[in-house]
């Protein structure tokens, strides 16, 4: 991995055990302590963390560095309230993708509706 950039995509980081049911629908829920361990491990290997903006500006790892982009999809509230605390404690920037249809939306996106349907049928 030296000299390359690895993009880690996390879906949902939350310490709320009530959300664990989402895993039954295929949605991985990672707890903050697991995220912390992962990122500390990479830091211990000498990883250099980037954002997509860094890469766009032409910043890349040297041949001796491991490049990592930490990203989150769907913009779940818990990624802002839980995951960012972990990242800030380690001094790591990240990329958060926000589904604009979820902002002030009054309905679930179709994929989240499927997860909810699985929960209510279980």
PDB file of N, CA and C in Angstrom:
ATOM      1  N   UNK A   1       0.807  -1.213   0.000  1.00  0.00           N
ATOM      2  CA  UNK A   1       0.000   0.000   0.000  1.00  0.00           C
ATOM      3  C   UNK A   1       0.847   1.273   0.000  1.00  0.00           C
ATOM      4  N   UNK A   2       2.130   1.139   0.169  1.00  0.00           N
ATOM      5  CA  UNK A   2       2.961   2.345   0.198  1.00  0.00           C
ATOM      6  C   UNK A   2       2.929   3.027  -1.165  1.00  0.00           C
ATOM      7  N   UNK A   3       2.745   4.341  -1.136  1.00  0.00           N
ATOM      8  CA  UNK A   3       2.674   5.118  -2.360  1.00  0.00           C
ATOM      9  C   UNK A   3       1.298   5.132  -3.001  1.00  0.00           C
ATOM     10  N   UNK A   4       0.337   4.489  -2.394  1.00  0.00           N
ATOM     11  CA  UNK A   4      -1.027   4.419  -2.936  1.00  0.00           C
ATOM     12  C   UNK A   4      -2.016   5.047  -1.950  1.00  0.00           C
ATOM     13  N   UNK A   5      -3.224   5.294  -2.430  1.00  0.00           N
ATOM     14  CA  UNK A   5      -4.272   5.863  -1.589  1.00  0.00           C
ATOM     15  C   UNK A   5      -5.402   4.847  -1.453  1.00  0.00           C
ATOM     16  N   UNK A   6      -5.721   4.529  -0.231  1.00  0.00           N
ATOM     17  CA  UNK A   6      -6.827   3.639   0.107  1.00  0.00           C
ATOM     18  C   UNK A   6      -7.985   4.505   0.577  1.00  0.00           C
ATOM     19  N   UNK A   7      -9.173   4.307   0.009  1.00  0.00           N
ATOM     20  CA  UNK A   7     -10.351   5.043   0.463  1.00  0.00           C
ATOM     21  C   UNK A   7     -11.198   4.111   1.305  1.00  0.00           C
ATOM     22  N   UNK A   8     -11.373   4.448   2.554  1.00  0.00           N
ATOM     23  CA  UNK A   8     -12.230   3.684   3.461  1.00  0.00           C
ATOM     24  C   UNK A   8     -13.600   4.338   3.474  1.00  0.00           C
ATOM     25  N   UNK A   9     -14.628   3.557   3.199  1.00  0.00           N
ATOM     26  CA  UNK A   9     -15.996   4.073   3.184  1.00  0.00           C
ATOM     27  C   UNK A   9     -16.765   3.452   4.337  1.00  0.00           C
ATOM     28  N   UNK A  10     -17.157   4.287   5.264  1.00  0.00           N
ATOM     29  CA  UNK A  10     -17.959   3.833   6.398  1.00  0.00           C
ATOM     30  C   UNK A  10     -19.394   4.275   6.161  1.00  0.00           C
ATOM     31  N   UNK A  11     -20.320   3.406   6.521  1.00  0.00           N
ATOM     32  CA  UNK A  11     -21.720   3.722   6.287  1.00  0.00           C
ATOM     33  C   UNK A  11     -22.347   4.417   7.493  1.00  0.00           C
ATOM     34  N   UNK A  12     -22.190   3.825   8.659  1.00  0.00           N
ATOM     35  CA  UNK A  12     -22.818   4.381   9.847  1.00  0.00           C
ATOM     36  C   UNK A  12     -21.965   4.070  11.069  1.00  0.00           C
ATOM     37  N   UNK A  13     -21.541   5.108  11.763  1.00  0.00           N
ATOM     38  CA  UNK A  13     -20.809   4.954  13.017  1.00  0.00           C
ATOM     39  C   UNK A  13     -21.717   5.461  14.122  1.00  0.00           C
ATOM     40  N   UNK A  14     -22.062   4.568  15.047  1.00  0.00           N
ATOM     41  CA  UNK A  14     -22.978   4.932  16.117  1.00  0.00           C
ATOM     42  C   UNK A  14     -22.745   4.042  17.327  1.00  0.00           C
ATOM     43  N   UNK A  15     -22.874   4.619  18.492  1.00  0.00           N
ATOM     44  CA  UNK A  15     -22.801   3.846  19.729  1.00  0.00           C
ATOM     45  C   UNK A  15     -24.193   3.512  20.256  1.00  0.00           C
ATOM     46  N   UNK A  16     -25.216   3.875  19.515  1.00  0.00           N
ATOM     47  CA  UNK A  16     -26.594   3.602  19.895  1.00  0.00           C
ATOM     48  C   UNK A  16     -26.915   2.158  19.533  1.00  0.00           C
ATOM     49  N   UNK A  17     -26.949   1.288  20.511  1.00  0.00           N
ATOM     50  CA  UNK A  17     -27.201  -0.146  20.270  1.00  0.00           C
ATOM     51  C   UNK A  17     -28.588  -0.394  19.677  1.00  0.00           C
ATOM     52  N   UNK A  18     -29.470   0.586  19.770  1.00  0.00           N
ATOM     53  CA  UNK A  18     -30.790   0.422  19.178  1.00  0.00           C
ATOM     54  C   UNK A  18     -30.722   0.394  17.652  1.00  0.00           C
ATOM     55  N   UNK A  19     -29.614   0.835  17.089  1.00  0.00           N
ATOM     56  CA  UNK A  19     -29.467   0.812  15.637  1.00  0.00           C
ATOM     57  C   UNK A  19     -28.840  -0.480  15.131  1.00  0.00           C
ATOM     58  N   UNK A  20     -28.463  -1.375  16.027  1.00  0.00           N
ATOM     59  CA  UNK A  20     -27.835  -2.624  15.611  1.00  0.00           C
ATOM     60  C   UNK A  20     -28.724  -3.455  14.697  1.00  0.00           C
ATOM     61  N   UNK A  21     -30.042  -3.273  14.781  1.00  0.00           N
ATOM     62  CA  UNK A  21     -30.955  -4.026  13.916  1.00  0.00           C
ATOM     63  C   UNK A  21     -30.689  -3.743  12.443  1.00  0.00           C
ATOM     64  N   UNK A  22     -30.088  -2.585  12.117  1.00  0.00           N
ATOM     65  CA  UNK A  22     -29.817  -2.260  10.724  1.00  0.00           C
ATOM     66  C   UNK A  22     -28.891  -3.275  10.065  1.00  0.00           C
ATOM     67  N   UNK A  23     -28.027  -3.906  10.858  1.00  0.00           N
ATOM     68  CA  UNK A  23     -27.102  -4.897  10.301  1.00  0.00           C
ATOM     69  C   UNK A  23     -27.847  -6.075   9.690  1.00  0.00           C
ATOM     70  N   UNK A  24     -29.048  -6.370  10.173  1.00  0.00           N
ATOM     71  CA  UNK A  24     -29.807  -7.492   9.617  1.00  0.00           C
ATOM     72  C   UNK A  24     -30.219  -7.225   8.177  1.00  0.00           C
ATOM     73  N   UNK A  25     -30.291  -5.975   7.790  1.00  0.00           N
ATOM     74  CA  UNK A  25     -30.617  -5.618   6.415  1.00  0.00           C
ATOM     75  C   UNK A  25     -29.392  -5.366   5.562  1.00  0.00           C
ATOM     76  N   UNK A  26     -28.227  -5.655   6.102  1.00  0.00           N
ATOM     77  CA  UNK A  26     -26.998  -5.494   5.343  1.00  0.00           C
ATOM     78  C   UNK A  26     -26.278  -4.186   5.588  1.00  0.00           C
ATOM     79  N   UNK A  27     -26.846  -3.340   6.423  1.00  0.00           N
ATOM     80  CA  UNK A  27     -26.235  -2.046   6.719  1.00  0.00           C
ATOM     81  C   UNK A  27     -25.263  -2.193   7.873  1.00  0.00           C
ATOM     82  N   UNK A  28     -23.980  -2.049   7.619  1.00  0.00           N
ATOM     83  CA  UNK A  28     -23.027  -2.206   8.719  1.00  0.00           C
ATOM     84  C   UNK A  28     -23.059  -1.014   9.675  1.00  0.00           C
ATOM     85  N   UNK A  29     -23.192  -1.309  10.941  1.00  0.00           N
ATOM     86  CA  UNK A  29     -23.116  -0.282  11.979  1.00  0.00           C
ATOM     87  C   UNK A  29     -21.800  -0.501  12.717  1.00  0.00           C
ATOM     88  N   UNK A  30     -20.943   0.494  12.688  1.00  0.00           N
ATOM     89  CA  UNK A  30     -19.659   0.401  13.374  1.00  0.00           C
ATOM     90  C   UNK A  30     -19.721   1.269  14.618  1.00  0.00           C
ATOM     91  N   UNK A  31     -19.244   0.749  15.707  1.00  0.00           N
ATOM     92  CA  UNK A  31     -19.216   1.512  16.943  1.00  0.00           C
ATOM     93  C   UNK A  31     -17.944   2.354  16.999  1.00  0.00           C
ATOM     94  N   UNK A  32     -18.015   3.467  17.700  1.00  0.00           N
ATOM     95  CA  UNK A  32     -16.912   4.432  17.693  1.00  0.00           C
ATOM     96  C   UNK A  32     -15.592   3.833  18.174  1.00  0.00           C
ATOM     97  N   UNK A  33     -15.653   2.890  19.113  1.00  0.00           N
ATOM     98  CA  UNK A  33     -14.403   2.284  19.577  1.00  0.00           C
ATOM     99  C   UNK A  33     -13.737   1.465  18.477  1.00  0.00           C
ATOM    100  N   UNK A  34     -14.541   0.848  17.595  1.00  0.00           N
ATOM    101  CA  UNK A  34     -13.983   0.098  16.471  1.00  0.00           C
ATOM    102  C   UNK A  34     -13.348   1.042  15.451  1.00  0.00           C
ATOM    103  N   UNK A  35     -14.019   2.153  15.178  1.00  0.00           N
ATOM    104  CA  UNK A  35     -13.455   3.145  14.268  1.00  0.00           C
ATOM    105  C   UNK A  35     -12.136   3.673  14.819  1.00  0.00           C
ATOM    106  N   UNK A  36     -12.126   3.976  16.109  1.00  0.00           N
ATOM    107  CA  UNK A  36     -10.913   4.482  16.751  1.00  0.00           C
ATOM    108  C   UNK A  36      -9.765   3.474  16.601  1.00  0.00           C
ATOM    109  N   UNK A  37     -10.044   2.207  16.871  1.00  0.00           N
ATOM    110  CA  UNK A  37      -9.005   1.171  16.753  1.00  0.00           C
ATOM    111  C   UNK A  37      -8.480   1.061  15.326  1.00  0.00           C
ATOM    112  N   UNK A  38      -9.394   1.076  14.348  1.00  0.00           N
ATOM    113  CA  UNK A  38      -8.982   1.003  12.943  1.00  0.00           C
ATOM    114  C   UNK A  38      -8.040   2.145  12.579  1.00  0.00           C
ATOM    115  N   UNK A  39      -8.451   3.355  12.925  1.00  0.00           N
ATOM    116  CA  UNK A  39      -7.671   4.520  12.534  1.00  0.00           C
ATOM    117  C   UNK A  39      -6.357   4.623  13.303  1.00  0.00           C
ATOM    118  N   UNK A  40      -6.364   4.205  14.564  1.00  0.00           N
ATOM    119  CA  UNK A  40      -5.111   4.166  15.343  1.00  0.00           C
ATOM    120  C   UNK A  40      -4.141   3.149  14.747  1.00  0.00           C
ATOM    121  N   UNK A  41      -4.673   2.015  14.295  1.00  0.00           N
ATOM    122  CA  UNK A  41      -3.838   0.992  13.658  1.00  0.00           C
ATOM    123  C   UNK A  41      -3.168   1.565  12.412  1.00  0.00           C
ATOM    124  N   UNK A  42      -3.958   2.227  11.574  1.00  0.00           N
ATOM    125  CA  UNK A  42      -3.393   2.819  10.365  1.00  0.00           C
ATOM    126  C   UNK A  42      -2.387   3.924  10.699  1.00  0.00           C
ATOM    127  N   UNK A  43      -2.703   4.714  11.706  1.00  0.00           N
ATOM    128  CA  UNK A  43      -1.763   5.751  12.151  1.00  0.00           C
ATOM    129  C   UNK A  43      -0.455   5.130  12.604  1.00  0.00           C
ATOM    130  N   UNK A  44      -0.563   4.013  13.317  1.00  0.00           N
ATOM    131  CA  UNK A  44       0.633   3.311  13.791  1.00  0.00           C
ATOM    132  C   UNK A  44       1.491   2.779  12.662  1.00  0.00           C
ATOM    133  N   UNK A  45       0.869   2.521  11.515  1.00  0.00           N
ATOM    134  CA  UNK A  45       1.620   2.075  10.334  1.00  0.00           C
ATOM    135  C   UNK A  45       2.237   3.254   9.581  1.00  0.00           C
ATOM    136  N   UNK A  46       1.945   4.462  10.070  1.00  0.00           N
ATOM    137  CA  UNK A  46       2.485   5.651   9.420  1.00  0.00           C
ATOM    138  C   UNK A  46       1.616   6.191   8.307  1.00  0.00           C
ATOM    139  N   UNK A  47       0.320   5.851   8.323  1.00  0.00           N
ATOM    140  CA  UNK A  47      -0.586   6.326   7.280  1.00  0.00           C
ATOM    141  C   UNK A  47      -0.677   7.846   7.304  1.00  0.00           C
ATOM    142  N   UNK A  48      -0.809   8.388   6.128  1.00  0.00           N
ATOM    143  CA  UNK A  48      -1.047   9.833   5.967  1.00  0.00           C
ATOM    144  C   UNK A  48      -2.476   9.971   5.469  1.00  0.00           C
ATOM    145  N   UNK A  49      -3.282  10.757   6.168  1.00  0.00           N
ATOM    146  CA  UNK A  49      -4.696  10.886   5.859  1.00  0.00           C
ATOM    147  C   UNK A  49      -4.945  12.088   4.960  1.00  0.00           C
ATOM    148  N   UNK A  50      -5.775  11.867   3.951  1.00  0.00           N
ATOM    149  CA  UNK A  50      -6.093  12.879   2.952  1.00  0.00           C
ATOM    150  C   UNK A  50      -7.594  13.088   2.877  1.00  0.00           C
ATOM    151  N   UNK A  51      -7.989  14.212   2.289  1.00  0.00           N
ATOM    152  CA  UNK A  51      -9.365  14.419   1.870  1.00  0.00           C
ATOM    153  C   UNK A  51      -9.378  14.387   0.347  1.00  0.00           C
ATOM    154  N   UNK A  52     -10.543  14.330  -0.240  1.00  0.00           N
ATOM    155  CA  UNK A  52     -10.620  14.373  -1.700  1.00  0.00           C
ATOM    156  C   UNK A  52     -10.104  15.707  -2.229  1.00  0.00           C
ATOM    157  N   UNK A  53     -10.297  16.756  -1.463  1.00  0.00           N
ATOM    158  CA  UNK A  53      -9.780  18.067  -1.850  1.00  0.00           C
ATOM    159  C   UNK A  53      -8.247  18.048  -1.892  1.00  0.00           C
ATOM    160  N   UNK A  54      -7.624  17.382  -0.933  1.00  0.00           N
ATOM    161  CA  UNK A  54      -6.158  17.256  -0.941  1.00  0.00           C
ATOM    162  C   UNK A  54      -5.692  16.599  -2.237  1.00  0.00           C
ATOM    163  N   UNK A  55      -6.351  15.509  -2.615  1.00  0.00           N
ATOM    164  CA  UNK A  55      -5.975  14.791  -3.828  1.00  0.00           C
ATOM    165  C   UNK A  55      -6.209  15.662  -5.062  1.00  0.00           C
ATOM    166  N   UNK A  56      -7.306  16.396  -5.057  1.00  0.00           N
ATOM    167  CA  UNK A  56      -7.612  17.291  -6.177  1.00  0.00           C
ATOM    168  C   UNK A  56      -6.530  18.354  -6.344  1.00  0.00           C
ATOM    169  N   UNK A  57      -5.971  18.819  -5.235  1.00  0.00           N
ATOM    170  CA  UNK A  57      -4.885  19.813  -5.279  1.00  0.00           C
ATOM    171  C   UNK A  57      -3.545  19.182  -5.656  1.00  0.00           C
ATOM    172  N   UNK A  58      -3.519  17.867  -5.827  1.00  0.00           N
ATOM    173  CA  UNK A  58      -2.285  17.209  -6.246  1.00  0.00           C
ATOM    174  C   UNK A  58      -1.446  16.653  -5.108  1.00  0.00           C
ATOM    175  N   UNK A  59      -2.011  16.616  -3.902  1.00  0.00           N
ATOM    176  CA  UNK A  59      -1.289  16.034  -2.767  1.00  0.00           C
ATOM    177  C   UNK A  59      -1.488  14.520  -2.772  1.00  0.00           C
ATOM    178  N   UNK A  60      -0.400  13.787  -2.766  1.00  0.00           N
ATOM    179  CA  UNK A  60      -0.455  12.331  -2.761  1.00  0.00           C
ATOM    180  C   UNK A  60       0.606  11.802  -1.815  1.00  0.00           C
ATOM    181  N   UNK A  61       0.478  10.554  -1.390  1.00  0.00           N
ATOM    182  CA  UNK A  61       1.506   9.998  -0.495  1.00  0.00           C
ATOM    183  C   UNK A  61       2.817   9.790  -1.245  1.00  0.00           C
ATOM    184  N   UNK A  62       3.899   9.886  -0.495  1.00  0.00           N
ATOM    185  CA  UNK A  62       5.201   9.564  -1.089  1.00  0.00           C
ATOM    186  C   UNK A  62       5.272   8.049  -1.259  1.00  0.00           C
ATOM    187  N   UNK A  63       6.312   7.580  -1.875  1.00  0.00           N
ATOM    188  CA  UNK A  63       6.464   6.132  -2.095  1.00  0.00           C
ATOM    189  C   UNK A  63       6.649   5.383  -0.787  1.00  0.00           C
ATOM    190  N   UNK A  64       6.937   6.098   0.287  1.00  0.00           N
ATOM    191  CA  UNK A  64       7.124   5.468   1.604  1.00  0.00           C
ATOM    192  C   UNK A  64       5.889   5.561   2.490  1.00  0.00           C
ATOM    193  N   UNK A  65       4.881   6.309   2.051  1.00  0.00           N
ATOM    194  CA  UNK A  65       3.692   6.529   2.877  1.00  0.00           C
ATOM    195  C   UNK A  65       2.503   5.697   2.401  1.00  0.00           C
ATOM    196  N   UNK A  66       1.620   5.418   3.329  1.00  0.00           N
ATOM    197  CA  UNK A  66       0.329   4.818   3.021  1.00  0.00           C
ATOM    198  C   UNK A  66      -0.686   5.960   3.043  1.00  0.00           C
ATOM    199  N   UNK A  67      -1.363   6.179   1.948  1.00  0.00           N
ATOM    200  CA  UNK A  67      -2.376   7.230   1.877  1.00  0.00           C
ATOM    201  C   UNK A  67      -3.751   6.668   2.199  1.00  0.00           C
ATOM    202  N   UNK A  68      -4.514   7.409   2.983  1.00  0.00           N
ATOM    203  CA  UNK A  68      -5.855   6.963   3.368  1.00  0.00           C
ATOM    204  C   UNK A  68      -6.817   8.145   3.286  1.00  0.00           C
ATOM    205  N   UNK A  69      -7.964   7.900   2.645  1.00  0.00           N
ATOM    206  CA  UNK A  69      -9.085   8.830   2.683  1.00  0.00           C
ATOM    207  C   UNK A  69     -10.174   8.144   3.496  1.00  0.00           C
ATOM    208  N   UNK A  70     -10.654   8.806   4.540  1.00  0.00           N
ATOM    209  CA  UNK A  70     -11.737   8.282   5.364  1.00  0.00           C
ATOM    210  C   UNK A  70     -13.016   8.975   4.898  1.00  0.00           C
ATOM    211  N   UNK A  71     -14.005   8.182   4.510  1.00  0.00           N
ATOM    212  CA  UNK A  71     -15.250   8.779   4.017  1.00  0.00           C
ATOM    213  C   UNK A  71     -16.470   8.086   4.620  1.00  0.00           C
ATOM    214  N   UNK A  72     -17.567   8.817   4.601  1.00  0.00           N
ATOM    215  CA  UNK A  72     -18.843   8.337   5.142  1.00  0.00           C
ATOM    216  C   UNK A  72     -19.920   8.646   4.117  1.00  0.00           C
ATOM    217  N   UNK A  73     -20.792   7.675   3.862  1.00  0.00           N
ATOM    218  CA  UNK A  73     -21.865   7.932   2.912  1.00  0.00           C
ATOM    219  C   UNK A  73     -23.189   8.156   3.638  1.00  0.00           C
ATOM    220  N   UNK A  74     -24.131   8.698   2.933  1.00  0.00           N
ATOM    221  CA  UNK A  74     -25.505   8.952   3.368  1.00  0.00           C
ATOM    222  C   UNK A  74     -25.661  10.063   4.394  1.00  0.00           C
ATOM    223  N   UNK A  75     -24.610  10.547   5.001  1.00  0.00           N
ATOM    224  CA  UNK A  75     -24.732  11.676   5.916  1.00  0.00           C
ATOM    225  C   UNK A  75     -25.634  11.425   7.110  1.00  0.00           C
ATOM    226  N   UNK A  76     -25.589  10.207   7.645  1.00  0.00           N
ATOM    227  CA  UNK A  76     -26.362   9.932   8.850  1.00  0.00           C
ATOM    228  C   UNK A  76     -25.964  10.884   9.976  1.00  0.00           C
ATOM    229  N   UNK A  77     -26.931  11.298  10.762  1.00  0.00           N
ATOM    230  CA  UNK A  77     -26.681  12.209  11.880  1.00  0.00           C
ATOM    231  C   UNK A  77     -25.564  11.683  12.776  1.00  0.00           C
ATOM    232  N   UNK A  78     -25.560  10.365  13.020  1.00  0.00           N
ATOM    233  CA  UNK A  78     -24.567   9.769  13.921  1.00  0.00           C
ATOM    234  C   UNK A  78     -23.145   9.898  13.381  1.00  0.00           C
ATOM    235  N   UNK A  79     -22.993   9.978  12.067  1.00  0.00           N
ATOM    236  CA  UNK A  79     -21.653  10.189  11.519  1.00  0.00           C
ATOM    237  C   UNK A  79     -21.128  11.568  11.902  1.00  0.00           C
ATOM    238  N   UNK A  80     -22.036  12.519  12.020  1.00  0.00           N
ATOM    239  CA  UNK A  80     -21.639  13.861  12.444  1.00  0.00           C
ATOM    240  C   UNK A  80     -21.452  13.938  13.958  1.00  0.00           C
ATOM    241  N   UNK A  81     -22.315  13.246  14.708  1.00  0.00           N
ATOM    242  CA  UNK A  81     -22.283  13.383  16.162  1.00  0.00           C
ATOM    243  C   UNK A  81     -21.354  12.390  16.850  1.00  0.00           C
ATOM    244  N   UNK A  82     -21.041  11.276  16.214  1.00  0.00           N
ATOM    245  CA  UNK A  82     -20.199  10.251  16.848  1.00  0.00           C
ATOM    246  C   UNK A  82     -18.866  10.082  16.129  1.00  0.00           C
ATOM    247  N   UNK A  83     -18.920   9.846  14.833  1.00  0.00           N
ATOM    248  CA  UNK A  83     -17.681   9.581  14.084  1.00  0.00           C
ATOM    249  C   UNK A  83     -16.748  10.785  14.079  1.00  0.00           C
ATOM    250  N   UNK A  84     -17.300  11.983  13.931  1.00  0.00           N
ATOM    251  CA  UNK A  84     -16.431  13.162  13.883  1.00  0.00           C
ATOM    252  C   UNK A  84     -15.671  13.368  15.188  1.00  0.00           C
ATOM    253  N   UNK A  85     -16.263  12.977  16.311  1.00  0.00           N
ATOM    254  CA  UNK A  85     -15.545  13.078  17.587  1.00  0.00           C
ATOM    255  C   UNK A  85     -14.297  12.195  17.572  1.00  0.00           C
ATOM    256  N   UNK A  86     -14.431  10.995  17.015  1.00  0.00           N
ATOM    257  CA  UNK A  86     -13.283  10.087  16.917  1.00  0.00           C
ATOM    258  C   UNK A  86     -12.214  10.686  16.012  1.00  0.00           C
ATOM    259  N   UNK A  87     -12.641  11.167  14.863  1.00  0.00           N
ATOM    260  CA  UNK A  87     -11.697  11.753  13.904  1.00  0.00           C
ATOM    261  C   UNK A  87     -10.983  12.963  14.496  1.00  0.00           C
ATOM    262  N   UNK A  88     -11.734  13.824  15.156  1.00  0.00           N
ATOM    263  CA  UNK A  88     -11.137  15.009  15.770  1.00  0.00           C
ATOM    264  C   UNK A  88     -10.131  14.625  16.851  1.00  0.00           C
ATOM    265  N   UNK A  89     -10.431  13.575  17.616  1.00  0.00           N
ATOM    266  CA  UNK A  89      -9.508  13.154  18.674  1.00  0.00           C
ATOM    267  C   UNK A  89      -8.181  12.657  18.096  1.00  0.00           C
ATOM    268  N   UNK A  90      -8.209  12.211  16.840  1.00  0.00           N
ATOM    269  CA  UNK A  90      -7.002  11.711  16.183  1.00  0.00           C
ATOM    270  C   UNK A  90      -6.405  12.720  15.202  1.00  0.00           C
ATOM    271  N   UNK A  91      -7.064  13.859  15.051  1.00  0.00           N
ATOM    272  CA  UNK A  91      -6.569  14.876  14.120  1.00  0.00           C
ATOM    273  C   UNK A  91      -6.703  14.467  12.658  1.00  0.00           C
ATOM    274  N   UNK A  92      -7.750  13.705  12.338  1.00  0.00           N
ATOM    275  CA  UNK A  92      -7.946  13.200  10.983  1.00  0.00           C
ATOM    276  C   UNK A  92      -9.147  13.900  10.348  1.00  0.00           C
ATOM    277  N   UNK A  93      -8.952  14.375   9.121  1.00  0.00           N
ATOM    278  CA  UNK A  93     -10.060  14.954   8.364  1.00  0.00           C
ATOM    279  C   UNK A  93     -10.722  13.843   7.568  1.00  0.00           C
ATOM    280  N   UNK A  94     -11.975  14.082   7.173  1.00  0.00           N
ATOM    281  CA  UNK A  94     -12.696  13.056   6.430  1.00  0.00           C
ATOM    282  C   UNK A  94     -13.576  13.698   5.367  1.00  0.00           C
ATOM    283  N   UNK A  95     -14.224  12.833   4.623  1.00  0.00           N
ATOM    284  CA  UNK A  95     -15.176  13.245   3.601  1.00  0.00           C
ATOM    285  C   UNK A  95     -16.530  12.675   4.005  1.00  0.00           C
ATOM    286  N   UNK A  96     -17.544  13.533   4.092  1.00  0.00           N
ATOM    287  CA  UNK A  96     -18.901  13.083   4.399  1.00  0.00           C
ATOM    288  C   UNK A  96     -19.786  13.384   3.205  1.00  0.00           C
ATOM    289  N   UNK A  97     -20.374  12.329   2.656  1.00  0.00           N
ATOM    290  CA  UNK A  97     -21.310  12.484   1.557  1.00  0.00           C
ATOM    291  C   UNK A  97     -22.706  12.628   2.143  1.00  0.00           C
ATOM    292  N   UNK A  98     -23.405  13.643   1.721  1.00  0.00           N
ATOM    293  CA  UNK A  98     -24.747  13.910   2.229  1.00  0.00           C
ATOM    294  C   UNK A  98     -25.759  13.706   1.109  1.00  0.00           C
ATOM    295  N   UNK A  99     -26.723  12.823   1.315  1.00  0.00           N
ATOM    296  CA  UNK A  99     -27.819  12.650   0.364  1.00  0.00           C
ATOM    297  C   UNK A  99     -28.759  13.838   0.516  1.00  0.00           C
ATOM    298  N   UNK A 100     -28.790  14.690  -0.484  1.00  0.00           N
ATOM    299  CA  UNK A 100     -29.579  15.911  -0.352  1.00  0.00           C
ATOM    300  C   UNK A 100     -31.068  15.622  -0.189  1.00  0.00           C
ATOM    301  N   UNK A 101     -31.531  14.476  -0.669  1.00  0.00           N
ATOM    302  CA  UNK A 101     -32.927  14.113  -0.501  1.00  0.00           C
ATOM    303  C   UNK A 101     -33.304  13.856   0.941  1.00  0.00           C
ATOM    304  N   UNK A 102     -32.307  13.664   1.800  1.00  0.00           N
ATOM    305  CA  UNK A 102     -32.584  13.394   3.211  1.00  0.00           C
ATOM    306  C   UNK A 102     -32.645  14.677   4.033  1.00  0.00           C
ATOM    307  N   UNK A 103     -32.196  15.777   3.468  1.00  0.00           N
ATOM    308  CA  UNK A 103     -32.209  17.040   4.199  1.00  0.00           C
ATOM    309  C   UNK A 103     -33.634  17.574   4.199  1.00  0.00           C
ATOM    310  N   UNK A 104     -34.195  17.735   5.373  1.00  0.00           N
ATOM    311  CA  UNK A 104     -35.572  18.208   5.539  1.00  0.00           C
ATOM    312  C   UNK A 104     -36.590  17.336   4.813  1.00  0.00           C
ATOM    313  N   UNK A 105     -36.212  16.098   4.494  1.00  0.00           N
ATOM    314  CA  UNK A 105     -37.138  15.192   3.826  1.00  0.00           C
ATOM    315  C   UNK A 105     -38.163  14.654   4.801  1.00  0.00           C
ATOM    316  N   UNK A 106     -39.338  14.363   4.279  1.00  0.00           N
ATOM    317  CA  UNK A 106     -40.383  13.811   5.140  1.00  0.00           C
ATOM    318  C   UNK A 106     -40.595  12.321   4.890  1.00  0.00           C
ATOM    319  N   UNK A 107     -39.763  11.740   4.000  1.00  0.00           N
ATOM    320  CA  UNK A 107     -39.841  10.316   3.720  1.00  0.00           C
ATOM    321  C   UNK A 107     -38.438   9.724   3.685  1.00  0.00           C
ATOM    322  N   UNK A 108     -38.360   8.429   3.980  1.00  0.00           N
ATOM    323  CA  UNK A 108     -37.091   7.735   3.868  1.00  0.00           C
ATOM    324  C   UNK A 108     -36.723   7.563   2.405  1.00  0.00           C
ATOM    325  N   UNK A 109     -35.429   7.550   2.117  1.00  0.00           N
ATOM    326  CA  UNK A 109     -34.975   7.169   0.788  1.00  0.00           C
ATOM    327  C   UNK A 109     -35.337   5.704   0.591  1.00  0.00           C
ATOM    328  N   UNK A 110     -35.467   5.241  -0.632  1.00  0.00           N
ATOM    329  CA  UNK A 110     -35.939   3.880  -0.897  1.00  0.00           C
ATOM    330  C   UNK A 110     -35.096   2.837  -0.186  1.00  0.00           C
ATOM    331  N   UNK A 111     -33.762   3.017  -0.167  1.00  0.00           N
ATOM    332  CA  UNK A 111     -32.913   2.002   0.452  1.00  0.00           C
ATOM    333  C   UNK A 111     -33.116   1.958   1.965  1.00  0.00           C
ATOM    334  N   UNK A 112     -33.312   3.105   2.575  1.00  0.00           N
ATOM    335  CA  UNK A 112     -33.536   3.142   4.012  1.00  0.00           C
ATOM    336  C   UNK A 112     -34.932   2.614   4.347  1.00  0.00           C
ATOM    337  N   UNK A 113     -35.869   2.816   3.425  1.00  0.00           N
ATOM    338  CA  UNK A 113     -37.193   2.237   3.588  1.00  0.00           C
ATOM    339  C   UNK A 113     -37.136   0.714   3.623  1.00  0.00           C
ATOM    340  N   UNK A 114     -36.235   0.128   2.814  1.00  0.00           N
ATOM    341  CA  UNK A 114     -36.062  -1.327   2.842  1.00  0.00           C
ATOM    342  C   UNK A 114     -35.538  -1.801   4.195  1.00  0.00           C
ATOM    343  N   UNK A 115     -34.585  -1.089   4.753  1.00  0.00           N
ATOM    344  CA  UNK A 115     -34.057  -1.460   6.068  1.00  0.00           C
ATOM    345  C   UNK A 115     -35.174  -1.403   7.112  1.00  0.00           C
ATOM    346  N   UNK A 116     -35.964  -0.343   7.034  1.00  0.00           N
ATOM    347  CA  UNK A 116     -37.066  -0.180   7.994  1.00  0.00           C
ATOM    348  C   UNK A 116     -38.079  -1.307   7.837  1.00  0.00           C
ATOM    349  N   UNK A 117     -38.380  -1.672   6.587  1.00  0.00           N
ATOM    350  CA  UNK A 117     -39.318  -2.760   6.324  1.00  0.00           C
ATOM    351  C   UNK A 117     -38.792  -4.068   6.917  1.00  0.00           C
ATOM    352  N   UNK A 118     -37.491  -4.326   6.765  1.00  0.00           N
ATOM    353  CA  UNK A 118     -36.897  -5.540   7.350  1.00  0.00           C
ATOM    354  C   UNK A 118     -37.044  -5.535   8.861  1.00  0.00           C
ATOM    355  N   UNK A 119     -36.883  -4.365   9.459  1.00  0.00           N
ATOM    356  CA  UNK A 119     -36.986  -4.288  10.927  1.00  0.00           C
ATOM    357  C   UNK A 119     -38.411  -4.590  11.391  1.00  0.00           C
ATOM    358  N   UNK A 120     -39.369  -4.033  10.705  1.00  0.00           N
ATOM    359  CA  UNK A 120     -40.742  -4.192  11.150  1.00  0.00           C
ATOM    360  C   UNK A 120     -41.284  -5.592  10.880  1.00  0.00           C
ATOM    361  N   UNK A 121     -40.670  -6.316   9.945  1.00  0.00           N
ATOM    362  CA  UNK A 121     -41.096  -7.685   9.670  1.00  0.00           C
ATOM    363  C   UNK A 121     -40.418  -8.686  10.582  1.00  0.00           C
ATOM    364  N   UNK A 122     -39.325  -8.301  11.212  1.00  0.00           N
ATOM    365  CA  UNK A 122     -38.555  -9.228  12.052  1.00  0.00           C
ATOM    366  C   UNK A 122     -39.236  -9.485  13.378  1.00  0.00           C
TER     367      UNK A 122
END
